[in-house]
Amino acid sequence: MPKSDDSEPNSASPEQKAESDIKELTASVDNAVKRINEFVQVVQRDLQFTVDDSTGRTVVRVYDTESEELIRQLPPDEVLAIAAFMDELKGMLVKEKA
């Protein structure tokens, strides 16, 4: 008489299989939610490209679409001010040499 599957020590019971399937499905759903949240974060951003008048450098500003709040600016205002100052100093040096 052949042995049934229930007598094998390595085979999982239907309850164990169901628990395993639920854990796998939960992990899959968690991963999908994480990816959707990351996508929504990207979508809720607005990029604005401009050229700084004093330095001629490209400035990228990232805004929150809903609140229109400035999230980040590259390069920051401080760096633009330093670049403008250095350009001014460079101009002064050239005038002195002439």
N, C-alpha and C. Protein backbone atom coordinates (compact mmCIF):
# COMPACT_ATOMS: atom_id res chain seq x y z
N MET A 1 0.83 -1.16 0.00
CA MET A 1 0.00 0.00 0.00
C MET A 1 0.89 1.25 0.00
N PRO A 2 0.65 2.22 -0.89
CA PRO A 2 1.53 3.41 -0.96
C PRO A 2 1.32 4.32 0.24
N LYS A 3 2.41 5.02 0.61
CA LYS A 3 2.35 5.95 1.74
C LYS A 3 1.66 7.24 1.31
N SER A 4 0.92 7.84 2.21
CA SER A 4 0.29 9.13 1.91
C SER A 4 1.30 10.25 2.14
N ASP A 5 1.01 11.41 1.59
CA ASP A 5 1.91 12.55 1.71
C ASP A 5 2.04 13.04 3.15
N ASP A 6 1.01 12.75 3.98
CA ASP A 6 1.02 13.23 5.35
C ASP A 6 2.09 12.55 6.19
N SER A 7 2.57 11.38 5.77
CA SER A 7 3.55 10.65 6.56
C SER A 7 4.97 11.11 6.31
N GLU A 8 5.19 11.91 5.28
CA GLU A 8 6.55 12.39 5.00
C GLU A 8 6.92 13.48 6.01
N PRO A 9 8.08 13.39 6.62
CA PRO A 9 8.46 14.36 7.66
C PRO A 9 8.73 15.76 7.08
N ASN A 10 9.15 15.88 5.83
CA ASN A 10 9.51 17.17 5.25
C ASN A 10 8.33 17.89 4.61
N SER A 11 7.18 17.25 4.47
CA SER A 11 6.06 17.91 3.82
C SER A 11 5.33 18.79 4.83
N ALA A 12 4.88 19.96 4.37
CA ALA A 12 4.20 20.91 5.24
C ALA A 12 2.71 20.60 5.27
N SER A 13 2.13 20.85 6.42
CA SER A 13 0.68 20.66 6.55
C SER A 13 -0.02 21.78 5.78
N PRO A 14 -1.29 21.61 5.46
CA PRO A 14 -2.02 22.68 4.76
C PRO A 14 -2.01 24.00 5.54
N GLU A 15 -2.05 23.94 6.88
CA GLU A 15 -2.01 25.16 7.68
C GLU A 15 -0.66 25.86 7.56
N GLN A 16 0.42 25.07 7.58
CA GLN A 16 1.76 25.64 7.44
C GLN A 16 1.94 26.26 6.06
N LYS A 17 1.42 25.58 5.05
CA LYS A 17 1.50 26.11 3.68
C LYS A 17 0.74 27.41 3.58
N ALA A 18 -0.45 27.47 4.19
CA ALA A 18 -1.27 28.69 4.17
C ALA A 18 -0.54 29.84 4.88
N GLU A 19 0.07 29.55 6.03
CA GLU A 19 0.82 30.57 6.76
C GLU A 19 1.99 31.08 5.94
N SER A 20 2.67 30.17 5.28
CA SER A 20 3.80 30.55 4.43
C SER A 20 3.33 31.43 3.27
N ASP A 21 2.21 31.05 2.67
CA ASP A 21 1.65 31.83 1.56
C ASP A 21 1.24 33.23 2.03
N ILE A 22 0.67 33.31 3.23
CA ILE A 22 0.25 34.61 3.77
C ILE A 22 1.46 35.49 4.04
N LYS A 23 2.53 34.92 4.60
CA LYS A 23 3.74 35.69 4.87
C LYS A 23 4.35 36.20 3.56
N GLU A 24 4.36 35.34 2.56
CA GLU A 24 4.91 35.73 1.26
C GLU A 24 4.07 36.84 0.62
N LEU A 25 2.76 36.70 0.70
CA LEU A 25 1.86 37.71 0.15
C LEU A 25 1.99 39.03 0.90
N THR A 26 2.11 38.97 2.22
CA THR A 26 2.28 40.18 3.03
C THR A 26 3.57 40.90 2.66
N ALA A 27 4.65 40.16 2.50
CA ALA A 27 5.93 40.76 2.10
C ALA A 27 5.81 41.41 0.72
N SER A 28 5.11 40.75 -0.18
CA SER A 28 4.91 41.28 -1.52
C SER A 28 4.09 42.57 -1.50
N VAL A 29 3.03 42.58 -0.69
CA VAL A 29 2.20 43.78 -0.56
C VAL A 29 2.99 44.91 0.08
N ASP A 30 3.77 44.62 1.12
CA ASP A 30 4.60 45.64 1.77
C ASP A 30 5.57 46.25 0.77
N ASN A 31 6.18 45.42 -0.05
CA ASN A 31 7.12 45.91 -1.06
C ASN A 31 6.39 46.80 -2.08
N ALA A 32 5.21 46.38 -2.50
CA ALA A 32 4.44 47.17 -3.47
C ALA A 32 4.06 48.53 -2.87
N VAL A 33 3.64 48.55 -1.61
CA VAL A 33 3.28 49.81 -0.95
C VAL A 33 4.49 50.73 -0.87
N LYS A 34 5.63 50.17 -0.53
CA LYS A 34 6.86 50.97 -0.45
C LYS A 34 7.18 51.60 -1.81
N ARG A 35 7.09 50.81 -2.86
CA ARG A 35 7.39 51.31 -4.20
C ARG A 35 6.39 52.38 -4.64
N ILE A 36 5.13 52.19 -4.30
CA ILE A 36 4.11 53.20 -4.64
C ILE A 36 4.38 54.49 -3.88
N ASN A 37 4.72 54.40 -2.61
CA ASN A 37 5.03 55.60 -1.83
C ASN A 37 6.22 56.34 -2.41
N GLU A 38 7.25 55.62 -2.81
CA GLU A 38 8.42 56.26 -3.43
C GLU A 38 8.03 56.95 -4.73
N PHE A 39 7.19 56.32 -5.52
CA PHE A 39 6.74 56.90 -6.78
C PHE A 39 5.92 58.17 -6.52
N VAL A 40 5.04 58.12 -5.54
CA VAL A 40 4.21 59.28 -5.22
C VAL A 40 5.09 60.44 -4.76
N GLN A 41 6.11 60.14 -3.99
CA GLN A 41 7.02 61.20 -3.55
C GLN A 41 7.69 61.88 -4.74
N VAL A 42 8.07 61.10 -5.72
CA VAL A 42 8.71 61.66 -6.92
C VAL A 42 7.70 62.49 -7.69
N VAL A 43 6.49 62.00 -7.81
CA VAL A 43 5.46 62.67 -8.59
C VAL A 43 5.06 63.98 -7.93
N GLN A 44 5.09 64.07 -6.61
CA GLN A 44 4.66 65.26 -5.90
C GLN A 44 5.75 66.32 -5.83
N ARG A 45 6.69 66.28 -6.71
CA ARG A 45 7.76 67.26 -6.75
C ARG A 45 7.72 67.99 -8.08
N ASP A 46 8.08 69.25 -8.03
CA ASP A 46 8.12 70.07 -9.23
C ASP A 46 9.52 70.66 -9.33
N LEU A 47 10.15 70.53 -10.49
CA LEU A 47 11.49 71.07 -10.70
C LEU A 47 11.39 72.37 -11.48
N GLN A 48 12.20 73.34 -11.07
CA GLN A 48 12.26 74.62 -11.77
C GLN A 48 13.74 74.90 -12.07
N PHE A 49 14.04 75.13 -13.34
CA PHE A 49 15.39 75.44 -13.76
C PHE A 49 15.46 76.92 -14.12
N THR A 50 16.45 77.62 -13.55
CA THR A 50 16.65 79.03 -13.86
C THR A 50 18.14 79.30 -13.99
N VAL A 51 18.47 80.51 -14.45
CA VAL A 51 19.86 80.93 -14.52
C VAL A 51 20.02 82.10 -13.56
N ASP A 52 20.99 81.99 -12.65
CA ASP A 52 21.24 83.05 -11.69
C ASP A 52 21.81 84.26 -12.40
N ASP A 53 21.22 85.44 -12.16
CA ASP A 53 21.63 86.66 -12.84
C ASP A 53 23.07 87.07 -12.53
N SER A 54 23.49 86.94 -11.28
CA SER A 54 24.81 87.44 -10.90
C SER A 54 25.96 86.52 -11.30
N THR A 55 25.70 85.23 -11.44
CA THR A 55 26.78 84.30 -11.75
C THR A 55 26.64 83.63 -13.10
N GLY A 56 25.43 83.62 -13.66
CA GLY A 56 25.20 82.93 -14.91
C GLY A 56 25.12 81.42 -14.75
N ARG A 57 25.06 80.96 -13.52
CA ARG A 57 25.00 79.51 -13.26
C ARG A 57 23.56 79.00 -13.26
N THR A 58 23.41 77.74 -13.67
CA THR A 58 22.09 77.11 -13.66
C THR A 58 21.71 76.77 -12.22
N VAL A 59 20.46 77.09 -11.85
CA VAL A 59 19.94 76.82 -10.52
C VAL A 59 18.73 75.89 -10.68
N VAL A 60 18.70 74.83 -9.89
CA VAL A 60 17.58 73.90 -9.89
C VAL A 60 16.89 74.00 -8.54
N ARG A 61 15.59 74.26 -8.59
CA ARG A 61 14.79 74.33 -7.37
C ARG A 61 13.76 73.20 -7.39
N VAL A 62 13.62 72.53 -6.25
CA VAL A 62 12.65 71.44 -6.11
C VAL A 62 11.56 71.92 -5.16
N TYR A 63 10.32 71.90 -5.67
CA TYR A 63 9.17 72.35 -4.89
C TYR A 63 8.24 71.18 -4.62
N ASP A 64 7.56 71.22 -3.45
CA ASP A 64 6.47 70.30 -3.17
C ASP A 64 5.27 70.79 -3.96
N THR A 65 4.69 69.92 -4.77
CA THR A 65 3.59 70.31 -5.65
C THR A 65 2.38 70.77 -4.86
N GLU A 66 2.05 70.10 -3.78
CA GLU A 66 0.85 70.44 -3.01
C GLU A 66 0.99 71.77 -2.27
N SER A 67 2.06 71.92 -1.52
CA SER A 67 2.22 73.12 -0.68
C SER A 67 2.99 74.23 -1.38
N GLU A 68 3.61 73.93 -2.51
CA GLU A 68 4.46 74.86 -3.26
C GLU A 68 5.65 75.34 -2.42
N GLU A 69 5.99 74.57 -1.41
CA GLU A 69 7.14 74.88 -0.54
C GLU A 69 8.43 74.50 -1.25
N LEU A 70 9.44 75.37 -1.14
CA LEU A 70 10.76 75.07 -1.69
C LEU A 70 11.40 74.00 -0.81
N ILE A 71 11.74 72.88 -1.41
CA ILE A 71 12.32 71.76 -0.68
C ILE A 71 13.85 71.84 -0.72
N ARG A 72 14.38 72.12 -1.90
CA ARG A 72 15.83 72.13 -2.06
C ARG A 72 16.20 73.01 -3.25
N GLN A 73 17.34 73.63 -3.16
CA GLN A 73 17.88 74.41 -4.26
C GLN A 73 19.33 74.01 -4.46
N LEU A 74 19.69 73.80 -5.71
CA LEU A 74 21.06 73.43 -6.06
C LEU A 74 21.57 74.37 -7.14
N PRO A 75 22.66 75.04 -6.98
CA PRO A 75 23.40 75.20 -5.72
C PRO A 75 22.64 76.11 -4.76
N PRO A 76 22.93 76.00 -3.46
CA PRO A 76 22.26 76.85 -2.47
C PRO A 76 22.62 78.33 -2.67
N ASP A 77 21.81 79.22 -2.10
CA ASP A 77 22.05 80.67 -2.21
C ASP A 77 23.44 81.06 -1.72
N GLU A 78 23.90 80.41 -0.66
CA GLU A 78 25.22 80.73 -0.11
C GLU A 78 26.32 80.47 -1.13
N VAL A 79 26.22 79.37 -1.84
CA VAL A 79 27.22 79.02 -2.85
C VAL A 79 27.16 80.02 -4.01
N LEU A 80 25.96 80.42 -4.39
CA LEU A 80 25.82 81.43 -5.45
C LEU A 80 26.44 82.76 -5.03
N ALA A 81 26.25 83.14 -3.76
CA ALA A 81 26.83 84.39 -3.25
C ALA A 81 28.35 84.32 -3.26
N ILE A 82 28.90 83.19 -2.86
CA ILE A 82 30.36 83.02 -2.88
C ILE A 82 30.88 83.09 -4.32
N ALA A 83 30.20 82.44 -5.24
CA ALA A 83 30.61 82.46 -6.64
C ALA A 83 30.56 83.88 -7.21
N ALA A 84 29.52 84.63 -6.86
CA ALA A 84 29.41 86.01 -7.33
C ALA A 84 30.55 86.85 -6.75
N PHE A 85 30.87 86.65 -5.48
CA PHE A 85 31.96 87.39 -4.84
C PHE A 85 33.30 87.06 -5.50
N MET A 86 33.52 85.78 -5.78
CA MET A 86 34.77 85.37 -6.43
C MET A 86 34.87 85.95 -7.84
N ASP A 87 33.77 86.00 -8.56
CA ASP A 87 33.77 86.62 -9.89
C ASP A 87 34.11 88.10 -9.79
N GLU A 88 33.58 88.74 -8.75
CA GLU A 88 33.86 90.17 -8.53
C GLU A 88 35.34 90.37 -8.22
N LEU A 89 35.89 89.52 -7.35
CA LEU A 89 37.33 89.61 -7.02
C LEU A 89 38.19 89.38 -8.26
N LYS A 90 37.79 88.41 -9.06
CA LYS A 90 38.53 88.12 -10.29
C LYS A 90 38.53 89.35 -11.20
N GLY A 91 37.39 90.01 -11.28
CA GLY A 91 37.29 91.23 -12.09
C GLY A 91 38.18 92.33 -11.56
N MET A 92 38.29 92.46 -10.24
CA MET A 92 39.14 93.48 -9.63
C MET A 92 40.61 93.21 -9.93
N LEU A 93 40.99 91.93 -9.88
CA LEU A 93 42.39 91.57 -10.16
C LEU A 93 42.76 91.88 -11.60
N VAL A 94 41.86 91.63 -12.50
CA VAL A 94 42.12 91.88 -13.92
C VAL A 94 42.26 93.39 -14.15
N LYS A 95 41.43 94.20 -13.48
CA LYS A 95 41.51 95.66 -13.63
C LYS A 95 42.82 96.19 -13.09
N GLU A 96 43.30 95.63 -11.94
CA GLU A 96 44.54 96.09 -11.36
C GLU A 96 45.73 95.77 -12.24
N LYS A 97 45.73 94.63 -12.92
CA LYS A 97 46.84 94.25 -13.79
C LYS A 97 46.88 95.10 -15.05
N ALA A 98 45.75 95.62 -15.46
CA ALA A 98 45.68 96.37 -16.72
C ALA A 98 46.19 97.74 -16.59
